[in-house]
Protein backbone atom coordinates (compact mmCIF):
# COMPACT_ATOMS: atom_id res chain seq x y z
CA UNK A 1 43.35 16.13 23.97
CA UNK A 2 41.43 17.71 21.06
CA UNK A 3 38.44 16.17 19.31
CA UNK A 4 39.42 13.75 16.56
CA UNK A 5 37.91 14.52 13.18
CA UNK A 6 37.67 12.76 9.86
CA UNK A 7 38.80 14.04 6.47
CA UNK A 8 35.66 16.18 6.19
CA UNK A 9 36.13 17.76 9.62
CA UNK A 10 33.29 15.81 11.23
CA UNK A 11 33.81 14.83 14.86
CA UNK A 12 34.47 11.11 15.15
CA UNK A 13 32.70 10.92 18.51
CA UNK A 14 29.44 12.20 16.95
CA UNK A 15 27.66 8.86 17.36
CA UNK A 16 24.58 8.36 19.44
CA UNK A 17 22.69 11.67 19.26
CA UNK A 18 21.91 13.31 15.95
CA UNK A 19 21.53 16.97 15.24
CA UNK A 20 18.26 17.69 13.43
CA UNK A 21 18.12 20.65 11.06
CA UNK A 22 14.50 21.75 11.59
CA UNK A 23 11.99 22.03 8.82
CA UNK A 24 10.69 25.47 7.91
CA UNK A 25 6.96 24.91 7.82
CA UNK A 26 6.33 22.44 5.03
CA UNK A 27 9.11 23.93 2.90
CA UNK A 28 12.19 22.14 4.22
CA UNK A 29 14.50 23.99 1.85
CA UNK A 30 13.30 27.38 3.07
CA UNK A 31 12.21 28.71 -0.32
CA UNK A 32 8.48 29.38 0.06
CA UNK A 33 7.42 32.40 -1.93
CA UNK A 34 10.22 32.19 -4.47
CA UNK A 35 8.06 30.75 -7.22
CA UNK A 36 6.74 31.89 -10.54
CA UNK A 37 4.79 30.33 -13.37
CA UNK A 38 7.82 29.39 -15.45
CA UNK A 39 7.39 25.99 -17.08
CA UNK A 40 10.52 23.85 -16.79
CA UNK A 41 11.85 20.90 -18.73
CA UNK A 42 12.95 18.23 -16.23
CA UNK A 43 14.70 14.86 -16.64
CA UNK A 44 14.44 12.35 -13.79
CA UNK A 45 17.14 9.75 -14.39
CA UNK A 46 17.05 6.38 -12.61
CA UNK A 47 14.53 4.88 -10.22
CA UNK A 48 14.23 3.72 -6.60
CA UNK A 49 10.92 2.42 -5.28
CA UNK A 50 8.73 4.62 -7.52
CA UNK A 51 10.18 7.93 -6.25
CA UNK A 52 10.84 9.44 -9.69
CA UNK A 53 7.71 8.07 -11.36
CA UNK A 54 5.53 9.53 -8.61
CA UNK A 55 7.41 12.83 -8.52
CA UNK A 56 7.02 13.11 -12.30
CA UNK A 57 3.24 12.88 -12.01
CA UNK A 58 3.22 15.64 -9.41
CA UNK A 59 5.46 17.92 -11.46
CA UNK A 60 3.26 17.39 -14.52
CA UNK A 61 0.21 18.44 -12.50
CA UNK A 62 2.13 21.68 -11.84
CA UNK A 63 2.57 22.18 -15.57
CA UNK A 64 6.15 21.10 -16.16
CA UNK A 65 7.48 18.92 -18.97
CA UNK A 66 8.94 15.84 -17.30
CA UNK A 67 10.73 12.78 -18.68
CA UNK A 68 11.54 9.70 -16.59
CA UNK A 69 14.37 7.53 -17.89
CA UNK A 70 15.10 4.37 -15.88
CA UNK A 71 15.21 0.59 -15.75
CA UNK A 72 11.99 0.54 -13.72
CA UNK A 73 13.98 -0.45 -10.60
CA UNK A 74 14.61 -3.96 -11.94
CA UNK A 75 11.81 -6.49 -11.39
CA UNK A 76 9.57 -3.87 -9.75
CA UNK A 77 8.97 -2.47 -13.25
CA UNK A 78 7.90 1.06 -12.32
CA UNK A 79 6.61 3.23 -15.19
CA UNK A 80 9.04 5.33 -17.24
CA UNK A 81 9.10 7.26 -20.50
CA UNK A 82 12.51 6.01 -21.64
CA UNK A 83 13.39 2.41 -20.85
CA UNK A 84 17.00 1.90 -19.74
CA UNK A 85 16.67 -1.73 -18.68
CA UNK A 86 19.78 -3.88 -19.02
CA UNK A 87 19.23 -7.32 -20.45
CA UNK A 88 20.68 -10.32 -18.62
CA UNK A 89 23.69 -11.94 -20.21
CA UNK A 90 27.22 -11.41 -21.45
CA UNK A 91 26.31 -8.59 -23.82
CA UNK A 92 23.90 -6.78 -21.50
CA UNK A 93 26.26 -3.85 -20.89
CA UNK A 94 26.98 -3.41 -24.58
CA UNK A 95 23.27 -3.47 -25.33
CA UNK A 96 22.52 -0.84 -22.71
CA UNK A 97 25.31 1.42 -23.97
CA UNK A 98 23.89 1.14 -27.49
CA UNK A 99 20.43 1.99 -26.15
CA UNK A 100 21.78 5.06 -24.32
CA UNK A 101 23.52 6.23 -27.49
CA UNK A 102 20.25 5.89 -29.37
CA UNK A 103 18.20 7.88 -26.83
CA UNK A 104 20.92 10.46 -26.05
CA UNK A 105 19.16 13.20 -28.06
CA UNK A 106 16.24 12.79 -25.63
CA UNK A 107 18.52 13.29 -22.59
CA UNK A 108 19.77 16.79 -23.44
CA UNK A 109 18.42 20.33 -23.27
CA UNK A 110 16.80 20.16 -19.81
CA UNK A 111 16.58 22.89 -17.19
CA UNK A 112 17.16 20.25 -14.52
CA UNK A 113 18.49 16.70 -14.57
CA UNK A 114 17.94 14.81 -11.32
CA UNK A 115 19.88 11.61 -10.64
CA UNK A 116 18.41 8.94 -8.41
CA UNK A 117 21.92 7.91 -7.30
CA UNK A 118 25.54 8.34 -8.47
CA UNK A 119 25.09 4.92 -10.11
CA UNK A 120 22.08 6.05 -12.14
CA UNK A 121 22.32 3.48 -14.96
CA UNK A 122 23.27 -0.22 -14.84
CA UNK A 123 26.83 0.25 -16.05
CA UNK A 124 30.23 0.37 -14.38
CA UNK A 125 31.13 3.48 -12.41
CA UNK A 126 33.50 4.63 -15.14
CA UNK A 127 30.68 4.54 -17.70
CA UNK A 128 28.37 6.44 -15.33
CA UNK A 129 31.12 9.04 -14.94
CA UNK A 130 31.43 9.52 -18.70
CA UNK A 131 27.66 9.79 -19.08
CA UNK A 132 27.45 12.23 -16.18
CA UNK A 133 29.98 14.53 -17.82
CA UNK A 134 27.98 14.50 -21.05
CA UNK A 135 24.78 15.29 -19.16
CA UNK A 136 26.57 18.11 -17.36
CA UNK A 137 27.70 19.64 -20.64
CA UNK A 138 24.35 19.34 -22.40
CA UNK A 139 21.93 20.38 -19.61
CA UNK A 140 21.65 23.37 -17.30
CA UNK A 141 21.47 22.08 -13.71
CA UNK A 142 22.17 18.77 -11.96
CA UNK A 143 20.50 17.57 -8.76
CA UNK A 144 21.84 14.44 -7.05
CA UNK A 145 19.39 12.39 -5.04
CA UNK A 146 20.45 11.00 -1.64
CA UNK A 147 17.90 8.21 -1.59
CA UNK A 148 19.83 5.04 -0.92
CA UNK A 149 23.10 3.19 -1.05
CA UNK A 150 26.20 5.22 -1.88
CA UNK A 151 29.73 5.90 -0.64
CA UNK A 152 28.82 8.65 1.83
CA UNK A 153 26.11 6.49 3.40
CA UNK A 154 28.37 3.44 3.79
CA UNK A 155 31.34 5.46 5.02
CA UNK A 156 29.25 7.54 7.41
CA UNK A 157 27.58 4.54 9.02
CA UNK A 158 30.84 2.61 9.33
CA UNK A 159 33.26 5.39 10.32
CA UNK A 160 31.29 8.24 11.92
CA UNK A 161 28.51 5.96 13.20
CA UNK A 162 26.27 9.01 13.37
CA UNK A 163 23.13 6.89 13.85
CA UNK A 164 22.32 4.78 16.91
CA UNK A 165 21.70 1.93 14.48
CA UNK A 166 21.68 1.55 10.72
CA UNK A 167 22.20 -0.85 7.84
CA UNK A 168 25.86 -1.07 8.92
CA UNK A 169 26.07 -0.58 12.68
CA UNK A 170 24.31 -1.25 15.96
CA UNK A 171 25.82 1.35 18.29
CA UNK A 172 29.60 1.02 18.06
CA UNK A 173 29.42 -2.52 16.65
CA UNK A 174 29.63 -2.94 12.88
CA UNK A 175 27.33 -5.48 11.27
CA UNK A 176 29.17 -8.31 9.54
CA UNK A 177 26.40 -9.98 7.53
CA UNK A 178 27.15 -10.75 3.91
CA UNK A 179 25.07 -7.89 2.48
CA UNK A 180 26.72 -5.22 4.64
CA UNK A 181 30.21 -6.53 3.88
CA UNK A 182 29.45 -6.66 0.15
CA UNK A 183 28.25 -3.05 0.09
CA UNK A 184 31.42 -1.92 1.90
CA UNK A 185 33.57 -3.71 -0.67
CA UNK A 186 31.50 -2.19 -3.44
CA UNK A 187 31.70 1.45 -2.34
CA UNK A 188 34.81 1.99 -0.20
CA UNK A 189 38.08 2.60 -2.05
CA UNK A 190 36.54 1.86 -5.46
CA UNK A 191 35.55 3.63 -8.67
CA UNK A 192 32.06 3.96 -7.19
CA UNK A 193 33.49 6.01 -4.33
CA UNK A 194 35.32 8.25 -6.81
CA UNK A 195 32.13 8.69 -8.84
CA UNK A 196 30.04 9.56 -5.79
CA UNK A 197 32.61 12.06 -4.51
CA UNK A 198 32.85 13.73 -7.91
CA UNK A 199 29.10 14.09 -8.47
CA UNK A 200 28.41 15.24 -4.91
CA UNK A 201 31.02 17.97 -5.27
CA UNK A 202 29.95 18.95 -8.79
CA UNK A 203 26.13 18.80 -8.55
CA UNK A 204 24.21 22.02 -8.04
CA UNK A 205 22.07 20.55 -5.24
CA UNK A 206 21.63 17.37 -3.20
CA UNK A 207 18.13 16.35 -2.14
CA UNK A 208 17.74 13.76 0.63
CA UNK A 209 14.52 11.78 0.85
CA UNK A 210 14.91 10.34 4.37
CA UNK A 211 16.16 11.79 7.63
CA UNK A 212 19.08 9.35 7.67
CA UNK A 213 20.42 10.49 4.30
CA UNK A 214 19.95 14.14 5.22
CA UNK A 215 21.89 13.64 8.46
CA UNK A 216 24.58 11.89 6.42
CA UNK A 217 25.03 14.58 3.74
CA UNK A 218 24.17 17.84 5.49
CA UNK A 219 27.35 18.18 7.60
CA UNK A 220 29.50 17.51 4.53
CA UNK A 221 27.64 19.59 1.92
CA UNK A 222 25.84 22.13 4.09
CA UNK A 223 25.02 24.73 1.49
CA UNK A 224 23.71 22.43 -1.24
CA UNK A 225 21.84 19.74 0.78
CA UNK A 226 18.16 19.91 1.66
CA UNK A 227 15.49 17.46 2.77
CA UNK A 228 12.24 16.82 0.90
CA UNK A 229 9.89 13.95 1.89
CA UNK A 230 9.12 11.15 -0.52
CA UNK A 231 6.04 11.66 -2.74
CA UNK A 232 3.00 9.41 -2.43
CA UNK A 233 -0.16 9.51 -4.56
CA UNK A 234 -3.09 9.06 -2.18
CA UNK A 235 -5.67 6.39 -3.16
CA UNK A 236 -8.96 7.62 -4.60
CA UNK A 237 -10.87 5.49 -2.10
CA UNK A 238 -9.98 6.91 1.30
CA UNK A 239 -12.03 4.44 3.29
CA UNK A 240 -10.31 2.60 6.15
CA UNK A 241 -10.37 -1.20 5.97
CA UNK A 242 -11.96 -2.76 9.05
CA UNK A 243 -10.44 -5.75 10.84
CA UNK A 244 -12.52 -8.59 9.45
CA UNK A 245 -13.79 -11.38 11.71
CA UNK A 246 -11.37 -10.37 14.45
CA UNK A 247 -8.38 -11.55 12.36
CA UNK A 248 -5.40 -9.23 11.96
CA UNK A 249 -3.78 -9.57 8.52
CA UNK A 250 0.00 -9.15 8.78
CA UNK A 251 1.96 -8.41 5.59
CA UNK A 252 5.69 -8.84 4.98
CA UNK A 253 7.25 -7.88 1.63
CA UNK A 254 10.57 -9.56 0.91
CA UNK A 255 13.29 -8.66 -1.55
CA UNK A 256 15.21 -11.95 -1.76
CA UNK A 257 18.48 -10.16 -2.52
CA UNK A 258 18.28 -7.75 0.46
CA UNK A 259 16.26 -9.58 3.13
CA UNK A 260 19.09 -9.90 5.65
CA UNK A 261 20.43 -6.43 4.98
CA UNK A 262 17.06 -4.73 5.60
CA UNK A 263 16.16 -7.00 8.52
CA UNK A 264 13.15 -8.48 6.78
CA UNK A 265 14.38 -11.97 7.68
CA UNK A 266 14.14 -11.11 11.38
CA UNK A 267 10.76 -9.44 10.97
CA UNK A 268 9.38 -12.46 9.11
CA UNK A 269 10.47 -14.85 11.86
CA UNK A 270 8.94 -12.54 14.48
CA UNK A 271 5.66 -12.47 12.53
CA UNK A 272 5.61 -16.27 12.31
CA UNK A 273 6.11 -16.48 16.08
CA UNK A 274 3.16 -14.16 16.75
CA UNK A 275 0.96 -16.07 14.30
CA UNK A 276 1.88 -19.30 16.10
CA UNK A 277 0.85 -17.72 19.40
CA UNK A 278 -2.43 -16.37 18.03
CA UNK A 279 -3.42 -18.72 15.18
CA UNK A 280 -7.13 -17.82 15.38
CA UNK A 281 -6.55 -14.06 15.51
CA UNK A 282 -3.86 -13.52 12.85
CA UNK A 283 -3.07 -14.27 9.22
CA UNK A 284 0.35 -13.86 7.59
CA UNK A 285 0.78 -12.81 3.95
CA UNK A 286 4.26 -12.83 2.38
CA UNK A 287 5.12 -11.19 -0.96
CA UNK A 288 8.51 -12.18 -2.32
CA UNK A 289 10.10 -10.02 -5.06
CA UNK A 290 6.85 -9.35 -6.93
CA UNK A 291 6.30 -6.56 -9.52
CA UNK A 292 4.88 -3.31 -8.18
CA UNK A 293 1.38 -3.69 -9.63
CA UNK A 294 1.02 -7.13 -8.05
CA UNK A 295 2.48 -5.84 -4.77
CA UNK A 296 -0.15 -3.07 -4.61
CA UNK A 297 -2.97 -5.60 -5.01
CA UNK A 298 -1.54 -7.96 -2.40
CA UNK A 299 -1.07 -5.26 0.22
CA UNK A 300 -4.68 -4.08 0.01
CA UNK A 301 -5.83 -6.92 2.29
CA UNK A 302 -3.31 -6.06 5.04
CA UNK A 303 -3.96 -4.46 8.42
CA UNK A 304 -0.32 -4.34 9.50
CA UNK A 305 2.92 -4.08 7.49
CA UNK A 306 6.37 -5.07 8.77
CA UNK A 307 9.19 -3.19 7.02
CA UNK A 308 12.63 -1.57 7.46
CA UNK A 309 13.95 -2.97 10.76
CA UNK A 310 17.14 -0.88 10.73
CA UNK A 311 15.57 2.39 9.58
CA UNK A 312 14.60 5.52 11.53
CA UNK A 313 11.99 6.39 8.95
CA UNK A 314 9.31 4.86 6.68
CA UNK A 315 10.32 3.89 3.14
CA UNK A 316 8.29 4.37 -0.05
CA UNK A 317 6.63 0.96 0.31
CA UNK A 318 5.78 1.73 3.93
CA UNK A 319 4.33 5.12 3.03
CA UNK A 320 2.26 3.54 0.24
CA UNK A 321 0.81 1.12 2.78
CA UNK A 322 0.15 3.91 5.28
CA UNK A 323 -1.68 5.90 2.60
CA UNK A 324 -4.12 2.98 2.41
CA UNK A 325 -4.68 2.98 6.18
CA UNK A 326 -2.30 0.11 6.94
CA UNK A 327 -0.34 0.24 10.21
CA UNK A 328 3.46 0.11 9.87
CA UNK A 329 5.71 -1.71 12.32
CA UNK A 330 9.23 -0.48 11.61
CA UNK A 331 11.15 2.79 11.56
CA UNK A 332 9.43 5.62 13.41
CA UNK A 333 12.09 7.27 15.56
CA UNK A 334 11.65 10.79 17.01
CA UNK A 335 13.99 12.23 14.35
CA UNK A 336 11.54 11.14 11.67
CA UNK A 337 8.85 13.38 13.17
CA UNK A 338 11.17 16.26 14.10
CA UNK A 339 12.49 16.84 10.60
CA UNK A 340 8.96 17.28 9.22
CA UNK A 341 7.86 19.28 12.27
CA UNK A 342 5.12 16.80 13.17
CA UNK A 343 4.03 17.50 16.74
CA UNK A 344 1.01 15.26 17.20
CA UNK A 345 0.66 12.28 14.85
CA UNK A 346 2.60 9.13 15.80
CA UNK A 347 1.18 6.47 13.47
CA UNK A 348 4.27 4.25 13.12
CA UNK A 349 4.84 1.46 15.63
CA UNK A 350 8.55 2.00 16.23
CA UNK A 351 10.68 -1.04 17.05
CA UNK A 352 14.23 -1.59 18.19
CA UNK A 353 16.29 -3.58 15.67
CA UNK A 354 15.72 -6.91 17.48
CA UNK A 355 13.54 -9.98 17.08
CA UNK A 356 12.19 -9.57 20.63
CA UNK A 357 11.09 -5.97 20.03
CA UNK A 358 9.18 -6.89 16.87
CA UNK A 359 7.43 -9.80 18.58
CA UNK A 360 6.45 -7.60 21.53
CA UNK A 361 5.05 -4.72 19.47
CA UNK A 362 3.24 -6.98 17.04
CA UNK A 363 1.67 -8.91 19.90
CA UNK A 364 0.41 -5.62 21.39
CA UNK A 365 -1.41 -4.89 18.14
CA UNK A 366 -2.99 -8.35 17.99
CA UNK A 367 -4.49 -7.84 21.44
CA UNK A 368 -5.65 -4.22 20.95
CA UNK A 369 -7.74 -3.77 17.83
CA UNK A 370 -8.99 -0.39 19.02
CA UNK A 371 -5.42 0.92 18.90
CA UNK A 372 -4.94 -0.61 15.46
CA UNK A 373 -7.96 1.28 14.12
CA UNK A 374 -6.72 4.55 15.60
CA UNK A 375 -3.28 4.05 14.01
CA UNK A 376 -4.92 3.24 10.67
CA UNK A 377 -6.60 6.65 10.63
CA UNK A 378 -3.42 8.40 11.79
CA UNK A 379 -1.37 6.65 9.10
CA UNK A 380 -3.53 7.96 6.29
CA UNK A 381 -3.66 11.44 7.80
CA UNK A 382 0.13 11.47 8.23
CA UNK A 383 0.88 10.57 4.60
CA UNK A 384 -1.63 13.05 3.20
CA UNK A 385 -0.22 15.81 5.42
CA UNK A 386 3.48 15.29 4.69
CA UNK A 387 3.87 13.15 1.55
CA UNK A 388 1.01 13.99 -0.85
CA UNK A 389 2.66 13.92 -4.25
CA UNK A 390 1.64 17.34 -5.59
CA UNK A 391 2.58 19.01 -2.32
CA UNK A 392 5.99 17.30 -2.44
CA UNK A 393 6.39 18.21 -6.12
CA UNK A 394 5.96 21.88 -5.18
CA UNK A 395 8.95 21.58 -2.84
CA UNK A 396 11.05 20.09 -5.64
CA UNK A 397 9.77 22.80 -7.95
CA UNK A 398 11.04 25.46 -5.56
CA UNK A 399 14.50 23.85 -5.52
CA UNK A 400 14.61 23.66 -9.31
CA UNK A 401 13.54 27.29 -9.68
CA UNK A 402 16.22 28.48 -7.29
CA UNK A 403 18.75 26.65 -9.47
CA UNK A 404 17.17 28.07 -12.62
CA UNK A 405 17.68 31.63 -11.36
CA UNK A 406 20.84 31.31 -9.24
CA UNK A 407 22.62 28.21 -10.63
CA UNK A 408 23.82 27.20 -7.15
CA UNK A 409 21.81 26.24 -4.08
CA UNK A 410 22.26 27.69 -0.61
CA UNK A 411 20.17 25.87 1.99
CA UNK A 412 21.89 27.10 5.15
C-alpha cells in the first residue's frame, strides 16, 4: 500500500523524526556575498515579543530606513514608530480602521514590507486581506514572517504531527486543553485559514524565526522559505551575576491568557515543588502579564528562567534572559542546535513536556551551582554568537536584497 499524503503532498506518517535543512555557515538563506551598499526603505508591520522592534534597530545600524508599525504586542507595549493599537470597546475596530486610513500614506512606497503574521493588525481576517492587497499594490516586495500562531502551524501539528511534541500534540495524541481547541476553531476552516493560505502563496519570501516554524513551512513552500534566528540586543554590561548567599533565584513569566497553552502552569507548579523541597536554597519570582520594561527589570535578579514547556527552541523572552547570563529550563532539543550549526555549546536545560521532568532538572540545578555558573557563561556566549541583533539584521538584509534584485526568492 502506498504512502498516504495530505493535500500538499506531505507524507502523513512523517511524525517523530524531523528532517533538518542545514544552515550554511551563519547565513541560513545561503546568500553570503550577494550584498551591496544600497540603502533600502523597509516597513516592519506588526509585532511579536519585540522581534520587529529589535530587527529595526539592527537594520538602522546597517544604514537602512526602517519603520515599525504595530500595536506594541498588546500590554507588552514594545516600541514602534506608528501606533496601531486597538482600543477596547464596541467601536475599537472602527477606530483602528480610521487610524489605518490616516496613516496609510506612511505605509506605501517601501522596497520591502514584512508582516509579523497573516493577522498583522487587530482586525478581522477579511479586513487584513483588504489591507494586504493594498500593501501589495503600493509596495515592491512582501515578506511573511512565520513566527507564531497561524493556519499552517495549527494544521501541521494536528494533522501531520511532524514534531514529537508541540502546542497541539504529544506524539500521536492531540492536546484538548481549552487554548489548543480555541486556536483550532480560530484557524481551521475559517477566514483566517483563507487569509494565511493566500498570503503564503502570494508573498515573495517566508522567513521562519524558530526551527519548528521552519520545519512546518519548508516542505510546503520550499523555494521561498528560509530560517533566520531571532535578533537580540546584547546588554552593555556583560558581567555574569553570581549566585548570592547560596540561593538560586528562579523566575517564571506568565501570560495569563496563554499559561496553559504554553505549559507555564505546569512549570510554575514544578518550581513551587522544588522551592518547597529547598526553601533555604531557592527563591521564586513570578511576573504575570507585565509590560516589557518592567519585565526586563524583574528578570535581572534571576539565575534560572522557566519558559516554553512545549517548544524545541528558546523564544525571544528566553533569549533575552540568556543574553544576561540567565540559565533557561525549557526548549533545547537537538534540532535547535543543528539548524544553527552549533556543535559545542549546550546552554539550555532541555526538559520533556512533563511536570516530573521539570522538577528533576530544576532540582539538579539547585544542587549543582558549579554547573549553573558554567551554563550562565554558555548562555551569554550562545546568544552573542547566533542572535546578536546586527548580525541577524545582516541576514535579513541579504534576503531583502535578493528580493530587490530578483523579485522572487529561491532558497533551495
